């Protein structure tokens, strides 16, 4: 009897060919998802856009913008079929690894004030709450929600 094949974990940069699959996940996860145009604009700007796959299934992705000595995490998403399995931490580890490679000193992000689950993941990873952005996220055509600003300081090497 042979064993089933071991799933193949792989990373890739976002390609136009991946957009339809990515948008399916994005639209399942958010009340106000990024649009195809948002992702295409981010690609044109040269933002880091890493996708995590197991075999041919998209597990999750992140989009991050590099500044002078910091990164700004713009979008991090785990496919709903794979949430609560530790994949967000895997994505954050990949982000941290890239941040170290480009010698960033910090990673910044905003998270909805109501998204307690994401806040907990970030806190467990080592982010700290450093502020609030009033009315940052849309809730409806009229209402908006505050965002918590979080920062992760990367270790500095002497």
Protein backbone atom coordinates (compact mmCIF):
# COMPACT_ATOMS: atom_id res chain seq x y z
CA UNK A 1 0.00 0.00 0.00
CA UNK A 2 1.43 3.39 -0.95
CA UNK A 3 1.09 6.52 1.14
CA UNK A 4 -0.86 9.48 -0.19
CA UNK A 5 1.32 12.18 -1.73
CA UNK A 6 2.62 14.85 0.64
CA UNK A 7 0.96 18.21 0.00
CA UNK A 8 3.29 20.69 -1.67
CA UNK A 9 3.51 24.07 0.04
CA UNK A 10 4.75 26.86 -2.22
CA UNK A 11 4.95 30.65 -2.43
CA UNK A 12 4.47 32.72 -5.55
CA UNK A 13 4.23 36.35 -6.52
CA UNK A 14 0.80 37.45 -7.69
CA UNK A 15 0.39 37.11 -11.46
CA UNK A 16 -2.49 38.33 -13.58
CA UNK A 17 -3.41 34.66 -14.16
CA UNK A 18 -3.96 34.26 -10.39
CA UNK A 19 -6.34 37.20 -10.00
CA UNK A 20 -9.62 35.33 -10.55
CA UNK A 21 -8.78 32.76 -7.86
CA UNK A 22 -7.54 35.45 -5.49
CA UNK A 23 -10.68 37.57 -6.01
CA UNK A 24 -12.89 34.57 -5.20
CA UNK A 25 -11.18 34.33 -1.80
CA UNK A 26 -11.15 38.11 -1.28
CA UNK A 27 -14.88 38.38 -1.99
CA UNK A 28 -15.70 35.55 0.43
CA UNK A 29 -13.77 37.20 3.26
CA UNK A 30 -14.73 40.87 3.28
CA UNK A 31 -17.81 43.08 3.26
CA UNK A 32 -15.75 45.66 1.34
CA UNK A 33 -13.23 43.56 -0.62
CA UNK A 34 -10.40 44.89 -2.70
CA UNK A 35 -11.29 45.11 -6.39
CA UNK A 36 -9.43 43.73 -9.38
CA UNK A 37 -8.28 47.31 -9.96
CA UNK A 38 -6.87 47.57 -6.42
CA UNK A 39 -4.74 44.47 -7.00
CA UNK A 40 -3.64 45.54 -10.47
CA UNK A 41 -2.68 48.99 -9.16
CA UNK A 42 -0.69 47.34 -6.34
CA UNK A 43 1.11 45.17 -8.89
CA UNK A 44 1.92 48.25 -10.98
CA UNK A 45 3.33 49.97 -7.87
CA UNK A 46 5.63 47.02 -7.25
CA UNK A 47 4.17 46.07 -3.87
CA UNK A 48 5.08 42.69 -2.42
CA UNK A 49 2.20 40.35 -3.22
CA UNK A 50 2.87 36.84 -1.97
CA UNK A 51 0.46 33.93 -2.44
CA UNK A 52 0.61 30.75 -0.38
CA UNK A 53 -0.51 27.55 -2.11
CA UNK A 54 -0.93 23.96 -1.01
CA UNK A 55 -0.84 21.92 -4.17
CA UNK A 56 -3.14 23.95 -6.48
CA UNK A 57 -5.29 25.52 -3.75
CA UNK A 58 -4.82 29.14 -2.72
CA UNK A 59 -4.48 29.18 1.07
CA UNK A 60 -3.85 32.89 1.55
CA UNK A 61 -1.94 35.97 0.53
CA UNK A 62 -0.58 39.30 1.62
CA UNK A 63 0.09 42.65 0.03
CA UNK A 64 2.71 44.92 1.58
CA UNK A 65 4.22 48.25 0.62
CA UNK A 66 7.86 48.93 1.32
CA UNK A 67 8.88 52.32 2.70
CA UNK A 68 12.34 53.65 3.55
CA UNK A 69 12.83 51.54 6.66
CA UNK A 70 9.42 49.99 7.20
CA UNK A 71 6.71 47.86 5.62
CA UNK A 72 3.02 48.60 5.60
CA UNK A 73 0.82 45.50 5.49
CA UNK A 74 -2.11 46.48 3.27
CA UNK A 75 -3.97 43.19 2.96
CA UNK A 76 -3.59 39.77 4.54
CA UNK A 77 -6.19 37.10 3.86
CA UNK A 78 -6.65 33.42 4.59
CA UNK A 79 -9.07 31.38 2.49
CA UNK A 80 -12.19 30.74 4.65
CA UNK A 81 -11.77 26.97 4.08
CA UNK A 82 -8.43 27.17 5.89
CA UNK A 83 -9.02 29.70 8.65
CA UNK A 84 -8.26 28.80 12.27
CA UNK A 85 -5.51 26.40 11.17
CA UNK A 86 -2.46 28.61 11.76
CA UNK A 87 -2.05 29.88 8.20
CA UNK A 88 -2.21 33.57 9.22
CA UNK A 89 0.92 32.99 11.29
CA UNK A 90 2.62 31.33 8.30
CA UNK A 91 1.79 34.40 6.19
CA UNK A 92 3.07 36.73 8.91
CA UNK A 93 6.28 34.70 9.21
CA UNK A 94 6.85 35.08 5.47
CA UNK A 95 6.21 38.82 5.78
CA UNK A 96 8.65 39.08 8.68
CA UNK A 97 11.27 37.15 6.72
CA UNK A 98 10.93 39.53 3.79
CA UNK A 99 11.03 42.54 6.15
CA UNK A 100 14.32 41.27 7.55
CA UNK A 101 15.72 40.78 4.05
CA UNK A 102 14.97 44.38 3.09
CA UNK A 103 16.28 45.61 6.48
CA UNK A 104 12.96 47.09 7.58
CA UNK A 105 12.79 48.25 11.18
CA UNK A 106 9.02 47.89 11.59
CA UNK A 107 5.85 46.50 10.05
CA UNK A 108 2.71 48.63 10.31
CA UNK A 109 -0.93 47.72 9.73
CA UNK A 110 -4.49 48.83 10.37
CA UNK A 111 -7.19 46.44 11.55
CA UNK A 112 -10.90 47.02 12.06
CA UNK A 113 -11.66 47.83 15.68
CA UNK A 114 -14.39 45.15 15.53
CA UNK A 115 -12.05 42.44 14.21
CA UNK A 116 -11.02 41.00 17.57
CA UNK A 117 -9.86 37.70 16.07
CA UNK A 118 -7.33 39.40 13.79
CA UNK A 119 -6.19 41.69 16.60
CA UNK A 120 -5.53 38.63 18.77
CA UNK A 121 -3.47 36.98 16.00
CA UNK A 122 -1.39 40.14 15.59
CA UNK A 123 -0.87 40.54 19.33
CA UNK A 124 0.21 36.90 19.69
CA UNK A 125 2.64 37.40 16.82
CA UNK A 126 4.23 40.39 18.57
CA UNK A 127 2.44 43.44 17.17
CA UNK A 128 1.45 46.19 19.58
CA UNK A 129 -1.40 48.65 19.40
CA UNK A 130 -0.01 52.16 18.88
CA UNK A 131 -3.00 54.26 17.85
CA UNK A 132 -6.40 54.66 16.31
CA UNK A 133 -7.53 55.93 12.92
CA UNK A 134 -11.02 57.37 13.24
CA UNK A 135 -13.58 56.37 10.60
CA UNK A 136 -10.95 54.52 8.54
CA UNK A 137 -12.94 51.57 7.17
CA UNK A 138 -16.31 51.71 5.38
CA UNK A 139 -19.27 50.00 7.05
CA UNK A 140 -21.97 51.22 4.67
CA UNK A 141 -22.47 54.08 2.24
CA UNK A 142 -22.69 56.44 5.22
CA UNK A 143 -21.10 54.80 8.26
CA UNK A 144 -17.42 54.16 8.87
CA UNK A 145 -15.47 52.15 11.44
CA UNK A 146 -12.33 53.04 13.37
CA UNK A 147 -9.09 51.14 12.79
CA UNK A 148 -6.51 50.12 15.35
CA UNK A 149 -2.98 50.94 14.19
CA UNK A 150 -0.50 48.21 15.08
CA UNK A 151 3.28 47.99 14.81
CA UNK A 152 5.75 45.13 14.89
CA UNK A 153 9.33 46.14 15.65
CA UNK A 154 11.94 43.99 14.00
CA UNK A 155 15.11 43.17 15.91
CA UNK A 156 17.99 45.38 14.91
CA UNK A 157 21.38 43.89 14.20
CA UNK A 158 24.43 45.78 15.48
